[in-house]
């Protein structure tokens, strides 16, 4: 069953990031900065977009059953679900970055 336009909201999104920095002085004007950051700390899978008919990121709402029988072959179902899987429908997972800088 298709949804009316703007009849529902997408699922809420949330994300927590963490950044740590340590400065080490090397005299009057020089220092080294060590840093690390983690984006999406809890590895939350947020939905970026949904199919308009269903409001879901992994269901287009299309009828893939055989005409006149309402039967869907397993191969057809498998191929169709692989076809509609779009990684851009979900946010990226946890990412890390580390670095060092030298200031003089």
C-alpha atoms as a PDB file:
ATOM      1  CA  UNK A   1       0.000   0.000   0.000  1.00  0.00           C
ATOM      2  CA  UNK A   2       1.448   3.333  -1.081  1.00  0.00           C
ATOM      3  CA  UNK A   3       1.842   6.216   1.324  1.00  0.00           C
ATOM      4  CA  UNK A   4       0.499   9.702   0.716  1.00  0.00           C
ATOM      5  CA  UNK A   5       3.128  12.349   0.070  1.00  0.00           C
ATOM      6  CA  UNK A   6       4.541  13.742   3.320  1.00  0.00           C
ATOM      7  CA  UNK A   7       2.262  11.512   5.386  1.00  0.00           C
ATOM      8  CA  UNK A   8       5.073  10.290   7.656  1.00  0.00           C
ATOM      9  CA  UNK A   9       8.433  11.326   9.000  1.00  0.00           C
ATOM     10  CA  UNK A  10      11.664   9.457   8.473  1.00  0.00           C
ATOM     11  CA  UNK A  11      13.190   7.762  11.511  1.00  0.00           C
ATOM     12  CA  UNK A  12      15.137  10.067  13.819  1.00  0.00           C
ATOM     13  CA  UNK A  13      18.893  10.279  13.457  1.00  0.00           C
ATOM     14  CA  UNK A  14      21.593  10.580  16.072  1.00  0.00           C
ATOM     15  CA  UNK A  15      25.341  10.571  16.135  1.00  0.00           C
ATOM     16  CA  UNK A  16      28.045  11.012  18.760  1.00  0.00           C
ATOM     17  CA  UNK A  17      31.584  12.066  17.900  1.00  0.00           C
ATOM     18  CA  UNK A  18      34.706  12.132  20.056  1.00  0.00           C
ATOM     19  CA  UNK A  19      37.885  14.182  19.626  1.00  0.00           C
ATOM     20  CA  UNK A  20      40.934  14.118  21.896  1.00  0.00           C
ATOM     21  CA  UNK A  21      43.890  16.494  21.654  1.00  0.00           C
ATOM     22  CA  UNK A  22      47.157  16.583  23.591  1.00  0.00           C
ATOM     23  CA  UNK A  23      49.604  19.482  23.308  1.00  0.00           C
ATOM     24  CA  UNK A  24      53.245  18.918  24.249  1.00  0.00           C
ATOM     25  CA  UNK A  25      55.457  21.995  24.620  1.00  0.00           C
ATOM     26  CA  UNK A  26      58.994  21.825  23.256  1.00  0.00           C
ATOM     27  CA  UNK A  27      60.392  25.116  24.507  1.00  0.00           C
ATOM     28  CA  UNK A  28      59.138  28.699  24.269  1.00  0.00           C
ATOM     29  CA  UNK A  29      57.576  28.674  20.798  1.00  0.00           C
ATOM     30  CA  UNK A  30      57.432  25.056  19.666  1.00  0.00           C
ATOM     31  CA  UNK A  31      54.932  22.336  20.415  1.00  0.00           C
ATOM     32  CA  UNK A  32      53.648  19.029  19.138  1.00  0.00           C
ATOM     33  CA  UNK A  33      49.952  18.332  18.978  1.00  0.00           C
ATOM     34  CA  UNK A  34      48.654  14.740  19.007  1.00  0.00           C
ATOM     35  CA  UNK A  35      45.020  14.218  18.122  1.00  0.00           C
ATOM     36  CA  UNK A  36      42.527  11.504  17.484  1.00  0.00           C
ATOM     37  CA  UNK A  37      38.883  11.573  16.547  1.00  0.00           C
ATOM     38  CA  UNK A  38      36.090   9.042  16.182  1.00  0.00           C
ATOM     39  CA  UNK A  39      33.022   9.903  14.138  1.00  0.00           C
ATOM     40  CA  UNK A  40      29.816   7.980  14.810  1.00  0.00           C
ATOM     41  CA  UNK A  41      31.244   6.670  18.078  1.00  0.00           C
ATOM     42  CA  UNK A  42      28.425   4.192  18.741  1.00  0.00           C
ATOM     43  CA  UNK A  43      28.275   3.043  15.100  1.00  0.00           C
ATOM     44  CA  UNK A  44      24.599   4.109  14.765  1.00  0.00           C
ATOM     45  CA  UNK A  45      23.041   3.245  11.424  1.00  0.00           C
ATOM     46  CA  UNK A  46      20.998   6.307  10.443  1.00  0.00           C
ATOM     47  CA  UNK A  47      18.591   6.353   7.501  1.00  0.00           C
ATOM     48  CA  UNK A  48      19.479   9.039   4.917  1.00  0.00           C
ATOM     49  CA  UNK A  49      16.513   8.554   2.569  1.00  0.00           C
ATOM     50  CA  UNK A  50      13.542   6.261   1.992  1.00  0.00           C
ATOM     51  CA  UNK A  51      11.489   5.025  -0.948  1.00  0.00           C
ATOM     52  CA  UNK A  52       8.417   7.252  -1.325  1.00  0.00           C
ATOM     53  CA  UNK A  53       5.857   4.439  -1.670  1.00  0.00           C
ATOM     54  CA  UNK A  54       6.757   2.683   1.570  1.00  0.00           C
ATOM     55  CA  UNK A  55       8.744   5.121   3.672  1.00  0.00           C
ATOM     56  CA  UNK A  56      11.429   2.436   4.090  1.00  0.00           C
ATOM     57  CA  UNK A  57      15.029   2.428   2.852  1.00  0.00           C
ATOM     58  CA  UNK A  58      14.930  -1.227   1.791  1.00  0.00           C
ATOM     59  CA  UNK A  59      11.456  -1.713   0.292  1.00  0.00           C
ATOM     60  CA  UNK A  60      10.235   0.008  -2.874  1.00  0.00           C
ATOM     61  CA  UNK A  61       6.692  -1.303  -2.553  1.00  0.00           C
ATOM     62  CA  UNK A  62       6.733  -2.756  -6.050  1.00  0.00           C
ATOM     63  CA  UNK A  63       4.833  -5.969  -6.717  1.00  0.00           C
ATOM     64  CA  UNK A  64       7.351  -8.515  -8.019  1.00  0.00           C
ATOM     65  CA  UNK A  65       5.027 -11.525  -7.969  1.00  0.00           C
ATOM     66  CA  UNK A  66       4.094 -13.431 -11.095  1.00  0.00           C
ATOM     67  CA  UNK A  67       1.021 -12.085 -12.859  1.00  0.00           C
ATOM     68  CA  UNK A  68      -2.213 -13.980 -12.120  1.00  0.00           C
ATOM     69  CA  UNK A  69      -0.608 -16.162  -9.425  1.00  0.00           C
ATOM     70  CA  UNK A  70       0.685 -13.833  -6.682  1.00  0.00           C
ATOM     71  CA  UNK A  71       3.678 -16.165  -6.366  1.00  0.00           C
ATOM     72  CA  UNK A  72       7.230 -14.835  -6.206  1.00  0.00           C
ATOM     73  CA  UNK A  73      10.082 -17.129  -7.118  1.00  0.00           C
ATOM     74  CA  UNK A  74      12.953 -17.172  -4.618  1.00  0.00           C
ATOM     75  CA  UNK A  75      15.440 -16.201  -7.339  1.00  0.00           C
ATOM     76  CA  UNK A  76      13.365 -13.192  -8.325  1.00  0.00           C
ATOM     77  CA  UNK A  77      13.005 -12.076  -4.693  1.00  0.00           C
ATOM     78  CA  UNK A  78      16.746 -12.487  -4.089  1.00  0.00           C
ATOM     79  CA  UNK A  79      17.753 -10.590  -7.246  1.00  0.00           C
ATOM     80  CA  UNK A  80      15.255  -7.821  -6.542  1.00  0.00           C
ATOM     81  CA  UNK A  81      16.387  -7.313  -2.936  1.00  0.00           C
ATOM     82  CA  UNK A  82      20.016  -7.175  -4.110  1.00  0.00           C
ATOM     83  CA  UNK A  83      19.039  -4.649  -6.783  1.00  0.00           C
ATOM     84  CA  UNK A  84      17.279  -2.224  -4.414  1.00  0.00           C
ATOM     85  CA  UNK A  85      19.994  -2.329  -1.734  1.00  0.00           C
ATOM     86  CA  UNK A  86      21.605   1.079  -1.937  1.00  0.00           C
ATOM     87  CA  UNK A  87      24.376   1.837   0.563  1.00  0.00           C
ATOM     88  CA  UNK A  88      23.657   5.570   0.316  1.00  0.00           C
ATOM     89  CA  UNK A  89      20.297   4.956   2.058  1.00  0.00           C
ATOM     90  CA  UNK A  90      22.215   4.609   5.338  1.00  0.00           C
ATOM     91  CA  UNK A  91      24.840   6.786   6.985  1.00  0.00           C
ATOM     92  CA  UNK A  92      28.437   5.658   7.102  1.00  0.00           C
ATOM     93  CA  UNK A  93      29.667   3.631  10.019  1.00  0.00           C
ATOM     94  CA  UNK A  94      32.281   4.481  12.596  1.00  0.00           C
ATOM     95  CA  UNK A  95      35.425   6.192  11.285  1.00  0.00           C
ATOM     96  CA  UNK A  96      38.729   6.965  12.993  1.00  0.00           C
ATOM     97  CA  UNK A  97      41.411   9.525  12.322  1.00  0.00           C
ATOM     98  CA  UNK A  98      44.675  10.149  14.130  1.00  0.00           C
ATOM     99  CA  UNK A  99      47.373  12.697  13.552  1.00  0.00           C
ATOM    100  CA  UNK A 100      50.288  14.750  14.737  1.00  0.00           C
ATOM    101  CA  UNK A 101      51.244  18.338  14.039  1.00  0.00           C
ATOM    102  CA  UNK A 102      54.393  20.309  14.777  1.00  0.00           C
ATOM    103  CA  UNK A 103      54.168  24.057  15.344  1.00  0.00           C
ATOM    104  CA  UNK A 104      57.105  26.448  15.532  1.00  0.00           C
END
